[in-house]
Amino acid sequence: MPDYYQSYGVVLSVVIAGAALVAVAFGAGRLIAPHHPTYSKLTTYECGIDPVGQGWSQSQVRYYVFGFLFVIFDVESVFLFPWARVYLTLGTSAVVEMGVFIAILATGLLYAGRKGVLKWA
């Protein structure tokens, strides 16, 4: 039973050491970094052009949809690479299941392409 509690003690000490490291890093950054705010430093800056007008503007939905599609296919790669690593030990049922998975994602990509979401201009 003492070994059981000792393993929790190791985890607790690692958490405390990590929190102390973060606190020391933030404290050192606060002490060392120069901090002289001026109006020009606090002004919004983008691409070397001074801001004109309001800061709010509308964005087109297709950019969000394109980002959403990227996330979907990024998740596909997260599932596909580990599967490919153990491919030989899985058997034919896993190959069929991965084929169905890829077919569903390919159908989604085909649908998005036909709707014109993937066109930038």
PDB file of N, CA and C in Angstrom:
ATOM      1  N   MET A   1       0.799  -1.209   0.000  1.00  0.00           N
ATOM      2  CA  MET A   1       0.000   0.000   0.000  1.00  0.00           C
ATOM      3  C   MET A   1       0.844   1.276   0.000  1.00  0.00           C
ATOM      4  N   PRO A   2       1.998   1.343   0.651  1.00  0.00           N
ATOM      5  CA  PRO A   2       2.800   2.570   0.609  1.00  0.00           C
ATOM      6  C   PRO A   2       3.287   2.897  -0.814  1.00  0.00           C
ATOM      7  N   ASP A   3       3.552   1.876  -1.649  1.00  0.00           N
ATOM      8  CA  ASP A   3       3.976   2.133  -3.020  1.00  0.00           C
ATOM      9  C   ASP A   3       2.877   2.820  -3.809  1.00  0.00           C
ATOM     10  N   TYR A   4       1.640   2.500  -3.487  1.00  0.00           N
ATOM     11  CA  TYR A   4       0.494   3.106  -4.158  1.00  0.00           C
ATOM     12  C   TYR A   4       0.468   4.615  -3.925  1.00  0.00           C
ATOM     13  N   TYR A   5       0.635   5.028  -2.700  1.00  0.00           N
ATOM     14  CA  TYR A   5       0.635   6.452  -2.375  1.00  0.00           C
ATOM     15  C   TYR A   5       1.923   7.139  -2.838  1.00  0.00           C
ATOM     16  N   GLN A   6       2.999   6.395  -2.896  1.00  0.00           N
ATOM     17  CA  GLN A   6       4.261   6.965  -3.344  1.00  0.00           C
ATOM     18  C   GLN A   6       4.181   7.367  -4.814  1.00  0.00           C
ATOM     19  N   SER A   7       3.461   6.593  -5.639  1.00  0.00           N
ATOM     20  CA  SER A   7       3.320   6.956  -7.053  1.00  0.00           C
ATOM     21  C   SER A   7       2.527   8.258  -7.198  1.00  0.00           C
ATOM     22  N   TYR A   8       1.547   8.472  -6.339  1.00  0.00           N
ATOM     23  CA  TYR A   8       0.830   9.746  -6.354  1.00  0.00           C
ATOM     24  C   TYR A   8       1.731  10.889  -5.906  1.00  0.00           C
ATOM     25  N   GLY A   9       2.641  10.617  -4.995  1.00  0.00           N
ATOM     26  CA  GLY A   9       3.583  11.628  -4.549  1.00  0.00           C
ATOM     27  C   GLY A   9       4.507  12.077  -5.678  1.00  0.00           C
ATOM     28  N   VAL A  10       4.906  11.135  -6.527  1.00  0.00           N
ATOM     29  CA  VAL A  10       5.744  11.480  -7.677  1.00  0.00           C
ATOM     30  C   VAL A  10       4.966  12.370  -8.635  1.00  0.00           C
ATOM     31  N   VAL A  11       3.713  12.021  -8.911  1.00  0.00           N
ATOM     32  CA  VAL A  11       2.885  12.830  -9.811  1.00  0.00           C
ATOM     33  C   VAL A  11       2.683  14.223  -9.223  1.00  0.00           C
ATOM     34  N   LEU A  12       2.403  14.308  -7.957  1.00  0.00           N
ATOM     35  CA  LEU A  12       2.204  15.601  -7.302  1.00  0.00           C
ATOM     36  C   LEU A  12       3.470  16.452  -7.346  1.00  0.00           C
ATOM     37  N   SER A  13       4.628  15.826  -7.126  1.00  0.00           N
ATOM     38  CA  SER A  13       5.878  16.592  -7.165  1.00  0.00           C
ATOM     39  C   SER A  13       6.177  17.089  -8.580  1.00  0.00           C
ATOM     40  N   VAL A  14       5.842  16.323  -9.606  1.00  0.00           N
ATOM     41  CA  VAL A  14       6.051  16.772 -10.979  1.00  0.00           C
ATOM     42  C   VAL A  14       5.113  17.942 -11.301  1.00  0.00           C
ATOM     43  N   VAL A  15       3.872  17.875 -10.843  1.00  0.00           N
ATOM     44  CA  VAL A  15       2.929  18.973 -11.067  1.00  0.00           C
ATOM     45  C   VAL A  15       3.403  20.238 -10.357  1.00  0.00           C
ATOM     46  N   ILE A  16       3.875  20.114  -9.141  1.00  0.00           N
ATOM     47  CA  ILE A  16       4.370  21.271  -8.386  1.00  0.00           C
ATOM     48  C   ILE A  16       5.613  21.850  -9.056  1.00  0.00           C
ATOM     49  N   ALA A  17       6.514  20.984  -9.517  1.00  0.00           N
ATOM     50  CA  ALA A  17       7.720  21.471 -10.195  1.00  0.00           C
ATOM     51  C   ALA A  17       7.351  22.173 -11.500  1.00  0.00           C
ATOM     52  N   GLY A  18       6.376  21.653 -12.229  1.00  0.00           N
ATOM     53  CA  GLY A  18       5.942  22.301 -13.466  1.00  0.00           C
ATOM     54  C   GLY A  18       5.321  23.657 -13.209  1.00  0.00           C
ATOM     55  N   ALA A  19       4.485  23.749 -12.181  1.00  0.00           N
ATOM     56  CA  ALA A  19       3.865  25.031 -11.832  1.00  0.00           C
ATOM     57  C   ALA A  19       4.916  26.032 -11.375  1.00  0.00           C
ATOM     58  N   ALA A  20       5.907  25.576 -10.631  1.00  0.00           N
ATOM     59  CA  ALA A  20       6.982  26.473 -10.189  1.00  0.00           C
ATOM     60  C   ALA A  20       7.811  26.958 -11.374  1.00  0.00           C
ATOM     61  N   LEU A  21       8.054  26.091 -12.345  1.00  0.00           N
ATOM     62  CA  LEU A  21       8.809  26.480 -13.529  1.00  0.00           C
ATOM     63  C   LEU A  21       8.070  27.547 -14.332  1.00  0.00           C
ATOM     64  N   VAL A  22       6.772  27.375 -14.474  1.00  0.00           N
ATOM     65  CA  VAL A  22       5.968  28.370 -15.188  1.00  0.00           C
ATOM     66  C   VAL A  22       5.960  29.689 -14.426  1.00  0.00           C
ATOM     67  N   ALA A  23       5.801  29.636 -13.123  1.00  0.00           N
ATOM     68  CA  ALA A  23       5.792  30.864 -12.314  1.00  0.00           C
ATOM     69  C   ALA A  23       7.131  31.586 -12.394  1.00  0.00           C
ATOM     70  N   VAL A  24       8.234  30.853 -12.353  1.00  0.00           N
ATOM     71  CA  VAL A  24       9.556  31.471 -12.458  1.00  0.00           C
ATOM     72  C   VAL A  24       9.750  32.086 -13.839  1.00  0.00           C
ATOM     73  N   ALA A  25       9.298  31.407 -14.890  1.00  0.00           N
ATOM     74  CA  ALA A  25       9.460  31.932 -16.246  1.00  0.00           C
ATOM     75  C   ALA A  25       8.655  33.219 -16.432  1.00  0.00           C
ATOM     76  N   PHE A  26       7.399  33.241 -15.972  1.00  0.00           N
ATOM     77  CA  PHE A  26       6.592  34.454 -16.082  1.00  0.00           C
ATOM     78  C   PHE A  26       7.157  35.581 -15.218  1.00  0.00           C
ATOM     79  N   GLY A  27       7.628  35.260 -14.033  1.00  0.00           N
ATOM     80  CA  GLY A  27       8.215  36.276 -13.167  1.00  0.00           C
ATOM     81  C   GLY A  27       9.489  36.866 -13.765  1.00  0.00           C
ATOM     82  N   ALA A  28      10.329  36.017 -14.343  1.00  0.00           N
ATOM     83  CA  ALA A  28      11.555  36.507 -14.971  1.00  0.00           C
ATOM     84  C   ALA A  28      11.230  37.359 -16.190  1.00  0.00           C
ATOM     85  N   GLY A  29      10.240  36.973 -16.937  1.00  0.00           N
ATOM     86  CA  GLY A  29       9.826  37.774 -18.085  1.00  0.00           C
ATOM     87  C   GLY A  29       9.297  39.126 -17.669  1.00  0.00           C
ATOM     88  N   ARG A  30       8.578  39.172 -16.581  1.00  0.00           N
ATOM     89  CA  ARG A  30       8.035  40.436 -16.069  1.00  0.00           C
ATOM     90  C   ARG A  30       9.159  41.350 -15.579  1.00  0.00           C
ATOM     91  N   LEU A  31      10.177  40.781 -14.952  1.00  0.00           N
ATOM     92  CA  LEU A  31      11.281  41.586 -14.422  1.00  0.00           C
ATOM     93  C   LEU A  31      12.261  42.030 -15.503  1.00  0.00           C
ATOM     94  N   ILE A  32      12.542  41.174 -16.460  1.00  0.00           N
ATOM     95  CA  ILE A  32      13.593  41.450 -17.436  1.00  0.00           C
ATOM     96  C   ILE A  32      13.094  42.267 -18.621  1.00  0.00           C
ATOM     97  N   ALA A  33      11.889  41.990 -19.103  1.00  0.00           N
ATOM     98  CA  ALA A  33      11.398  42.625 -20.332  1.00  0.00           C
ATOM     99  C   ALA A  33      11.130  44.109 -20.117  1.00  0.00           C
ATOM    100  N   PRO A  34      11.542  44.940 -21.081  1.00  0.00           N
ATOM    101  CA  PRO A  34      11.237  46.365 -20.966  1.00  0.00           C
ATOM    102  C   PRO A  34       9.752  46.615 -21.239  1.00  0.00           C
ATOM    103  N   HIS A  35       9.192  47.567 -20.507  1.00  0.00           N
ATOM    104  CA  HIS A  35       7.767  47.861 -20.656  1.00  0.00           C
ATOM    105  C   HIS A  35       7.583  49.372 -20.654  1.00  0.00           C
ATOM    106  N   HIS A  36       7.510  49.944 -21.855  1.00  0.00           N
ATOM    107  CA  HIS A  36       7.328  51.382 -22.015  1.00  0.00           C
ATOM    108  C   HIS A  36       6.210  51.624 -23.018  1.00  0.00           C
ATOM    109  N   PRO A  37       4.949  51.509 -22.604  1.00  0.00           N
ATOM    110  CA  PRO A  37       3.858  51.674 -23.564  1.00  0.00           C
ATOM    111  C   PRO A  37       3.706  53.130 -24.005  1.00  0.00           C
ATOM    112  N   THR A  38       3.562  53.322 -25.304  1.00  0.00           N
ATOM    113  CA  THR A  38       3.270  54.634 -25.868  1.00  0.00           C
ATOM    114  C   THR A  38       2.043  54.493 -26.759  1.00  0.00           C
ATOM    115  N   TYR A  39       1.526  55.617 -27.214  1.00  0.00           N
ATOM    116  CA  TYR A  39       0.339  55.573 -28.060  1.00  0.00           C
ATOM    117  C   TYR A  39       0.611  54.789 -29.343  1.00  0.00           C
ATOM    118  N   SER A  40       1.761  54.991 -29.953  1.00  0.00           N
ATOM    119  CA  SER A  40       2.057  54.305 -31.211  1.00  0.00           C
ATOM    120  C   SER A  40       2.251  52.805 -31.001  1.00  0.00           C
ATOM    121  N   LYS A  41       2.745  52.404 -29.838  1.00  0.00           N
ATOM    122  CA  LYS A  41       2.901  50.981 -29.563  1.00  0.00           C
ATOM    123  C   LYS A  41       1.565  50.303 -29.287  1.00  0.00           C
ATOM    124  N   LEU A  42       0.615  51.024 -28.761  1.00  0.00           N
ATOM    125  CA  LEU A  42      -0.682  50.452 -28.419  1.00  0.00           C
ATOM    126  C   LEU A  42      -1.691  50.527 -29.560  1.00  0.00           C
ATOM    127  N   THR A  43      -1.340  51.178 -30.671  1.00  0.00           N
ATOM    128  CA  THR A  43      -2.233  51.304 -31.814  1.00  0.00           C
ATOM    129  C   THR A  43      -2.278  49.990 -32.585  1.00  0.00           C
ATOM    130  N   THR A  44      -3.444  49.657 -33.113  1.00  0.00           N
ATOM    131  CA  THR A  44      -3.596  48.457 -33.926  1.00  0.00           C
ATOM    132  C   THR A  44      -2.725  48.585 -35.163  1.00  0.00           C
ATOM    133  N   TYR A  45      -2.026  47.531 -35.501  1.00  0.00           N
ATOM    134  CA  TYR A  45      -1.078  47.568 -36.606  1.00  0.00           C
ATOM    135  C   TYR A  45      -1.279  46.333 -37.463  1.00  0.00           C
ATOM    136  N   GLU A  46      -1.385  46.552 -38.772  1.00  0.00           N
ATOM    137  CA  GLU A  46      -1.503  45.404 -39.656  1.00  0.00           C
ATOM    138  C   GLU A  46      -0.916  45.755 -41.010  1.00  0.00           C
ATOM    139  N   CYS A  47       0.056  45.014 -41.445  1.00  0.00           N
ATOM    140  CA  CYS A  47       0.666  45.122 -42.776  1.00  0.00           C
ATOM    141  C   CYS A  47       1.252  46.503 -43.041  1.00  0.00           C
ATOM    142  N   GLY A  48       1.662  47.226 -42.046  1.00  0.00           N
ATOM    143  CA  GLY A  48       2.317  48.507 -42.259  1.00  0.00           C
ATOM    144  C   GLY A  48       1.388  49.650 -42.604  1.00  0.00           C
ATOM    145  N   ILE A  49       0.088  49.434 -42.529  1.00  0.00           N
ATOM    146  CA  ILE A  49      -0.882  50.468 -42.878  1.00  0.00           C
ATOM    147  C   ILE A  49      -1.581  50.914 -41.603  1.00  0.00           C
ATOM    148  N   ASP A  50      -1.712  52.223 -41.434  1.00  0.00           N
ATOM    149  CA  ASP A  50      -2.436  52.725 -40.274  1.00  0.00           C
ATOM    150  C   ASP A  50      -3.904  52.356 -40.378  1.00  0.00           C
ATOM    151  N   PRO A  51      -4.535  51.964 -39.283  1.00  0.00           N
ATOM    152  CA  PRO A  51      -5.944  51.582 -39.332  1.00  0.00           C
ATOM    153  C   PRO A  51      -6.842  52.773 -39.647  1.00  0.00           C
ATOM    154  N   VAL A  52      -7.819  52.536 -40.500  1.00  0.00           N
ATOM    155  CA  VAL A  52      -8.775  53.567 -40.886  1.00  0.00           C
ATOM    156  C   VAL A  52     -10.165  52.995 -40.701  1.00  0.00           C
ATOM    157  N   GLY A  53     -11.055  53.738 -40.105  1.00  0.00           N
ATOM    158  CA  GLY A  53     -12.432  53.279 -39.924  1.00  0.00           C
ATOM    159  C   GLY A  53     -12.588  52.414 -38.695  1.00  0.00           C
ATOM    160  N   GLN A  54     -13.658  51.633 -38.711  1.00  0.00           N
ATOM    161  CA  GLN A  54     -13.974  50.782 -37.566  1.00  0.00           C
ATOM    162  C   GLN A  54     -13.187  49.476 -37.635  1.00  0.00           C
ATOM    163  N   GLY A  55     -13.067  48.837 -36.512  1.00  0.00           N
ATOM    164  CA  GLY A  55     -12.350  47.573 -36.446  1.00  0.00           C
ATOM    165  C   GLY A  55     -13.197  46.373 -36.796  1.00  0.00           C
ATOM    166  N   TRP A  56     -14.487  46.570 -37.005  1.00  0.00           N
ATOM    167  CA  TRP A  56     -15.378  45.451 -37.286  1.00  0.00           C
ATOM    168  C   TRP A  56     -15.606  45.348 -38.778  1.00  0.00           C
ATOM    169  N   SER A  57     -15.500  44.155 -39.312  1.00  0.00           N
ATOM    170  CA  SER A  57     -15.821  43.931 -40.723  1.00  0.00           C
ATOM    171  C   SER A  57     -16.371  42.530 -40.878  1.00  0.00           C
ATOM    172  N   GLN A  58     -17.156  42.327 -41.913  1.00  0.00           N
ATOM    173  CA  GLN A  58     -17.750  41.022 -42.151  1.00  0.00           C
ATOM    174  C   GLN A  58     -16.770  40.132 -42.902  1.00  0.00           C
ATOM    175  N   SER A  59     -16.819  38.863 -42.602  1.00  0.00           N
ATOM    176  CA  SER A  59     -16.029  37.873 -43.329  1.00  0.00           C
ATOM    177  C   SER A  59     -16.994  36.937 -44.038  1.00  0.00           C
ATOM    178  N   GLN A  60     -16.552  36.439 -45.174  1.00  0.00           N
ATOM    179  CA  GLN A  60     -17.413  35.537 -45.919  1.00  0.00           C
ATOM    180  C   GLN A  60     -17.432  34.166 -45.266  1.00  0.00           C
ATOM    181  N   VAL A  61     -18.535  33.489 -45.385  1.00  0.00           N
ATOM    182  CA  VAL A  61     -18.715  32.197 -44.733  1.00  0.00           C
ATOM    183  C   VAL A  61     -17.791  31.146 -45.331  1.00  0.00           C
ATOM    184  N   ARG A  62     -17.422  31.283 -46.595  1.00  0.00           N
ATOM    185  CA  ARG A  62     -16.632  30.227 -47.225  1.00  0.00           C
ATOM    186  C   ARG A  62     -15.268  30.062 -46.570  1.00  0.00           C
ATOM    187  N   TYR A  63     -14.729  31.104 -45.973  1.00  0.00           N
ATOM    188  CA  TYR A  63     -13.450  30.957 -45.283  1.00  0.00           C
ATOM    189  C   TYR A  63     -13.600  30.071 -44.046  1.00  0.00           C
ATOM    190  N   TYR A  64     -14.699  30.225 -43.353  1.00  0.00           N
ATOM    191  CA  TYR A  64     -14.956  29.366 -42.200  1.00  0.00           C
ATOM    192  C   TYR A  64     -15.205  27.927 -42.640  1.00  0.00           C
ATOM    193  N   VAL A  65     -15.917  27.756 -43.734  1.00  0.00           N
ATOM    194  CA  VAL A  65     -16.190  26.404 -44.243  1.00  0.00           C
ATOM    195  C   VAL A  65     -14.886  25.752 -44.691  1.00  0.00           C
ATOM    196  N   PHE A  66     -14.019  26.530 -45.338  1.00  0.00           N
ATOM    197  CA  PHE A  66     -12.735  25.984 -45.752  1.00  0.00           C
ATOM    198  C   PHE A  66     -11.915  25.560 -44.535  1.00  0.00           C
ATOM    199  N   GLY A  67     -11.925  26.360 -43.483  1.00  0.00           N
ATOM    200  CA  GLY A  67     -11.229  25.985 -42.251  1.00  0.00           C
ATOM    201  C   GLY A  67     -11.830  24.741 -41.616  1.00  0.00           C
ATOM    202  N   PHE A  68     -13.150  24.646 -41.671  1.00  0.00           N
ATOM    203  CA  PHE A  68     -13.825  23.468 -41.133  1.00  0.00           C
ATOM    204  C   PHE A  68     -13.447  22.219 -41.924  1.00  0.00           C
ATOM    205  N   LEU A  69     -13.381  22.339 -43.236  1.00  0.00           N
ATOM    206  CA  LEU A  69     -12.963  21.204 -44.069  1.00  0.00           C
ATOM    207  C   LEU A  69     -11.522  20.811 -43.755  1.00  0.00           C
ATOM    208  N   PHE A  70     -10.671  21.798 -43.521  1.00  0.00           N
ATOM    209  CA  PHE A  70      -9.298  21.479 -43.153  1.00  0.00           C
ATOM    210  C   PHE A  70      -9.248  20.677 -41.859  1.00  0.00           C
ATOM    211  N   VAL A  71     -10.037  21.086 -40.885  1.00  0.00           N
ATOM    212  CA  VAL A  71     -10.049  20.370 -39.608  1.00  0.00           C
ATOM    213  C   VAL A  71     -10.532  18.939 -39.805  1.00  0.00           C
ATOM    214  N   ILE A  72     -11.554  18.760 -40.642  1.00  0.00           N
ATOM    215  CA  ILE A  72     -12.069  17.409 -40.893  1.00  0.00           C
ATOM    216  C   ILE A  72     -10.982  16.523 -41.487  1.00  0.00           C
ATOM    217  N   PHE A  73     -10.272  17.017 -42.497  1.00  0.00           N
ATOM    218  CA  PHE A  73      -9.272  16.183 -43.136  1.00  0.00           C
ATOM    219  C   PHE A  73      -7.995  16.083 -42.320  1.00  0.00           C
ATOM    220  N   ASP A  74      -7.776  17.006 -41.421  1.00  0.00           N
ATOM    221  CA  ASP A  74      -6.679  16.876 -40.479  1.00  0.00           C
ATOM    222  C   ASP A  74      -6.978  15.754 -39.493  1.00  0.00           C
ATOM    223  N   VAL A  75      -8.221  15.674 -39.065  1.00  0.00           N
ATOM    224  CA  VAL A  75      -8.634  14.587 -38.175  1.00  0.00           C
ATOM    225  C   VAL A  75      -8.527  13.252 -38.901  1.00  0.00           C
ATOM    226  N   GLU A  76      -8.820  13.251 -40.204  1.00  0.00           N
ATOM    227  CA  GLU A  76      -8.669  12.022 -40.976  1.00  0.00           C
ATOM    228  C   GLU A  76      -7.230  11.538 -40.924  1.00  0.00           C
ATOM    229  N   SER A  77      -6.290  12.438 -41.083  1.00  0.00           N
ATOM    230  CA  SER A  77      -4.890  12.015 -41.046  1.00  0.00           C
ATOM    231  C   SER A  77      -4.500  11.526 -39.654  1.00  0.00           C
ATOM    232  N   VAL A  78      -5.104  12.095 -38.625  1.00  0.00           N
ATOM    233  CA  VAL A  78      -4.813  11.634 -37.265  1.00  0.00           C
ATOM    234  C   VAL A  78      -5.257  10.187 -37.084  1.00  0.00           C
ATOM    235  N   PHE A  79      -6.370   9.811 -37.706  1.00  0.00           N
ATOM    236  CA  PHE A  79      -6.834   8.429 -37.609  1.00  0.00           C
ATOM    237  C   PHE A  79      -6.141   7.518 -38.607  1.00  0.00           C
ATOM    238  N   LEU A  80      -5.719   8.045 -39.750  1.00  0.00           N
ATOM    239  CA  LEU A  80      -5.176   7.220 -40.815  1.00  0.00           C
ATOM    240  C   LEU A  80      -3.739   6.779 -40.548  1.00  0.00           C
ATOM    241  N   PHE A  81      -2.899   7.639 -40.004  1.00  0.00           N
ATOM    242  CA  PHE A  81      -1.501   7.282 -39.798  1.00  0.00           C
ATOM    243  C   PHE A  81      -1.304   6.177 -38.742  1.00  0.00           C
ATOM    244  N   PRO A  82      -1.962   6.234 -37.594  1.00  0.00           N
ATOM    245  CA  PRO A  82      -1.800   5.101 -36.663  1.00  0.00           C
ATOM    246  C   PRO A  82      -2.366   3.800 -37.228  1.00  0.00           C
ATOM    247  N   TRP A  83      -3.451   3.904 -37.998  1.00  0.00           N
ATOM    248  CA  TRP A  83      -4.027   2.722 -38.612  1.00  0.00           C
ATOM    249  C   TRP A  83      -3.037   2.102 -39.595  1.00  0.00           C
ATOM    250  N   ALA A  84      -2.363   2.930 -40.375  1.00  0.00           N
ATOM    251  CA  ALA A  84      -1.389   2.428 -41.334  1.00  0.00           C
ATOM    252  C   ALA A  84      -0.201   1.785 -40.626  1.00  0.00           C
ATOM    253  N   ARG A  85       0.098   2.240 -39.433  1.00  0.00           N
ATOM    254  CA  ARG A  85       1.229   1.683 -38.680  1.00  0.00           C
ATOM    255  C   ARG A  85       0.990   0.235 -38.272  1.00  0.00           C
ATOM    256  N   VAL A  86      -0.241  -0.101 -37.930  1.00  0.00           N
ATOM    257  CA  VAL A  86      -0.562  -1.466 -37.488  1.00  0.00           C
ATOM    258  C   VAL A  86      -1.411  -2.197 -38.520  1.00  0.00           C
ATOM    259  N   TYR A  87      -1.292  -1.813 -39.774  1.00  0.00           N
ATOM    260  CA  TYR A  87      -2.118  -2.339 -40.854  1.00  0.00           C
ATOM    261  C   TYR A  87      -2.051  -3.856 -40.969  1.00  0.00           C
ATOM    262  N   LEU A  88      -0.869  -4.447 -40.890  1.00  0.00           N
ATOM    263  CA  LEU A  88      -0.715  -5.881 -41.116  1.00  0.00           C
ATOM    264  C   LEU A  88      -1.328  -6.726 -40.010  1.00  0.00           C
ATOM    265  N   THR A  89      -1.488  -6.196 -38.818  1.00  0.00           N
ATOM    266  CA  THR A  89      -2.028  -6.984 -37.714  1.00  0.00           C
ATOM    267  C   THR A  89      -3.541  -6.853 -37.576  1.00  0.00           C
ATOM    268  N   LEU A  90      -4.189  -6.009 -38.373  1.00  0.00           N
ATOM    269  CA  LEU A  90      -5.608  -5.733 -38.178  1.00  0.00           C
ATOM    270  C   LEU A  90      -6.535  -6.717 -38.893  1.00  0.00           C
ATOM    271  N   GLY A  91      -6.191  -7.136 -40.082  1.00  0.00           N
ATOM    272  CA  GLY A  91      -7.056  -8.045 -40.815  1.00  0.00           C
ATOM    273  C   GLY A  91      -7.933  -7.324 -41.826  1.00  0.00           C
ATOM    274  N   THR A  92      -8.745  -8.100 -42.531  1.00  0.00           N
ATOM    275  CA  THR A  92      -9.544  -7.535 -43.624  1.00  0.00           C
ATOM    276  C   THR A  92     -10.717  -6.696 -43.138  1.00  0.00           C
ATOM    277  N   SER A  93     -11.281  -6.983 -41.991  1.00  0.00           N
ATOM    278  CA  SER A  93     -12.409  -6.181 -41.516  1.00  0.00           C
ATOM    279  C   SER A  93     -11.994  -4.745 -41.234  1.00  0.00           C
ATOM    280  N   ALA A  94     -10.776  -4.554 -40.732  1.00  0.00           N
ATOM    281  CA  ALA A  94     -10.284  -3.203 -40.488  1.00  0.00           C
ATOM    282  C   ALA A  94     -10.030  -2.471 -41.798  1.00  0.00           C
ATOM    283  N   VAL A  95      -9.611  -3.201 -42.823  1.00  0.00           N
ATOM    284  CA  VAL A  95      -9.395  -2.580 -44.137  1.00  0.00           C
ATOM    285  C   VAL A  95     -10.727  -2.100 -44.704  1.00  0.00           C
ATOM    286  N   VAL A  96     -11.775  -2.916 -44.559  1.00  0.00           N
ATOM    287  CA  VAL A  96     -13.104  -2.532 -45.038  1.00  0.00           C
ATOM    288  C   VAL A  96     -13.617  -1.322 -44.257  1.00  0.00           C
ATOM    289  N   GLU A  97     -13.446  -1.326 -42.949  1.00  0.00           N
ATOM    290  CA  GLU A  97     -13.885  -0.198 -42.133  1.00  0.00           C
ATOM    291  C   GLU A  97     -13.149   1.085 -42.505  1.00  0.00           C
ATOM    292  N   MET A  98     -11.854   1.012 -42.763  1.00  0.00           N
ATOM    293  CA  MET A  98     -11.108   2.200 -43.168  1.00  0.00           C
ATOM    294  C   MET A  98     -11.539   2.654 -44.555  1.00  0.00           C
ATOM    295  N   GLY A  99     -11.868   1.713 -45.423  1.00  0.00           N
ATOM    296  CA  GLY A  99     -12.389   2.077 -46.741  1.00  0.00           C
ATOM    297  C   GLY A  99     -13.699   2.841 -46.633  1.00  0.00           C
ATOM    298  N   VAL A 100     -14.577   2.408 -45.733  1.00  0.00           N
ATOM    299  CA  VAL A 100     -15.845   3.109 -45.513  1.00  0.00           C
ATOM    300  C   VAL A 100     -15.571   4.506 -44.938  1.00  0.00           C
ATOM    301  N   PHE A 101     -14.641   4.603 -44.019  1.00  0.00           N
ATOM    302  CA  PHE A 101     -14.281   5.889 -43.413  1.00  0.00           C
ATOM    303  C   PHE A 101     -13.769   6.857 -44.470  1.00  0.00           C
ATOM    304  N   ILE A 102     -12.871   6.401 -45.322  1.00  0.00           N
ATOM    305  CA  ILE A 102     -12.320   7.259 -46.368  1.00  0.00           C
ATOM    306  C   ILE A 102     -13.385   7.598 -47.399  1.00  0.00           C
ATOM    307  N   ALA A 103     -14.281   6.668 -47.699  1.00  0.00           N
ATOM    308  CA  ALA A 103     -15.355   6.941 -48.664  1.00  0.00           C
ATOM    309  C   ALA A 103     -16.299   8.025 -48.147  1.00  0.00           C
ATOM    310  N   ILE A 104     -16.600   7.999 -46.858  1.00  0.00           N
ATOM    311  CA  ILE A 104     -17.465   9.040 -46.286  1.00  0.00           C
ATOM    312  C   ILE A 104     -16.778  10.399 -46.372  1.00  0.00           C
ATOM    313  N   LEU A 105     -15.505  10.465 -46.050  1.00  0.00           N
ATOM    314  CA  LEU A 105     -14.786  11.727 -46.151  1.00  0.00           C
ATOM    315  C   LEU A 105     -14.631  12.191 -47.597  1.00  0.00           C
ATOM    316  N   ALA A 106     -14.428  11.257 -48.513  1.00  0.00           N
ATOM    317  CA  ALA A 106     -14.327  11.626 -49.927  1.00  0.00           C
ATOM    318  C   ALA A 106     -15.661  12.147 -50.441  1.00  0.00           C
ATOM    319  N   THR A 107     -16.766  11.586 -49.968  1.00  0.00           N
ATOM    320  CA  THR A 107     -18.088  12.084 -50.345  1.00  0.00           C
ATOM    321  C   THR A 107     -18.278  13.517 -49.846  1.00  0.00           C
ATOM    322  N   GLY A 108     -17.829  13.792 -48.638  1.00  0.00           N
ATOM    323  CA  GLY A 108     -17.905  15.155 -48.107  1.00  0.00           C
ATOM    324  C   GLY A 108     -17.065  16.131 -48.914  1.00  0.00           C
ATOM    325  N   LEU A 109     -15.877  15.706 -49.331  1.00  0.00           N
ATOM    326  CA  LEU A 109     -15.020  16.566 -50.142  1.00  0.00           C
ATOM    327  C   LEU A 109     -15.632  16.797 -51.517  1.00  0.00           C
ATOM    328  N   LEU A 110     -16.210  15.774 -52.105  1.00  0.00           N
ATOM    329  CA  LEU A 110     -16.882  15.918 -53.400  1.00  0.00           C
ATOM    330  C   LEU A 110     -18.068  16.872 -53.298  1.00  0.00           C
ATOM    331  N   TYR A 111     -18.837  16.752 -52.228  1.00  0.00           N
ATOM    332  CA  TYR A 111     -19.973  17.651 -52.001  1.00  0.00           C
ATOM    333  C   TYR A 111     -19.505  19.098 -51.862  1.00  0.00           C
ATOM    334  N   ALA A 112     -18.445  19.308 -51.085  1.00  0.00           N
ATOM    335  CA  ALA A 112     -17.924  20.666 -50.896  1.00  0.00           C
ATOM    336  C   ALA A 112     -17.388  21.221 -52.210  1.00  0.00           C
ATOM    337  N   GLY A 113     -16.750  20.379 -53.003  1.00  0.00           N
ATOM    338  CA  GLY A 113     -16.240  20.838 -54.296  1.00  0.00           C
ATOM    339  C   GLY A 113     -17.351  21.209 -55.248  1.00  0.00           C
ATOM    340  N   ARG A 114     -18.435  20.453 -55.265  1.00  0.00           N
ATOM    341  CA  ARG A 114     -19.555  20.753 -56.156  1.00  0.00           C
ATOM    342  C   ARG A 114     -20.325  21.988 -55.699  1.00  0.00           C
ATOM    343  N   LYS A 115     -20.322  22.283 -54.421  1.00  0.00           N
ATOM    344  CA  LYS A 115     -20.986  23.484 -53.904  1.00  0.00           C
ATOM    345  C   LYS A 115     -20.137  24.742 -54.134  1.00  0.00           C
ATOM    346  N   GLY A 116     -18.889  24.569 -54.565  1.00  0.00           N
ATOM    347  CA  GLY A 116     -18.031  25.712 -54.842  1.00  0.00           C
ATOM    348  C   GLY A 116     -17.323  26.264 -53.630  1.00  0.00           C
ATOM    349  N   VAL A 117     -17.287  25.510 -52.551  1.00  0.00           N
ATOM    350  CA  VAL A 117     -16.655  25.999 -51.327  1.00  0.00           C
ATOM    351  C   VAL A 117     -15.143  26.079 -51.492  1.00  0.00           C
ATOM    352  N   LEU A 118     -14.558  25.212 -52.297  1.00  0.00           N
ATOM    353  CA  LEU A 118     -13.108  25.145 -52.417  1.00  0.00           C
ATOM    354  C   LEU A 118     -12.543  26.143 -53.415  1.00  0.00           C
ATOM    355  N   LYS A 119     -13.368  26.967 -54.019  1.00  0.00           N
ATOM    356  CA  LYS A 119     -12.902  27.997 -54.948  1.00  0.00           C
ATOM    357  C   LYS A 119     -12.621  29.275 -54.152  1.00  0.00           C
ATOM    358  N   TRP A 120     -11.425  29.814 -54.296  1.00  0.00           N
ATOM    359  CA  TRP A 120     -11.033  30.988 -53.534  1.00  0.00           C
ATOM    360  C   TRP A 120     -11.453  32.289 -54.194  1.00  0.00           C
ATOM    361  N   ALA A 121     -11.526  32.321 -55.483  1.00  0.00           N
ATOM    362  CA  ALA A 121     -11.841  33.588 -56.169  1.00  0.00           C
ATOM    363  C   ALA A 121     -13.316  33.717 -56.474  1.00  0.00           C
TER     364      ALA A 121
END
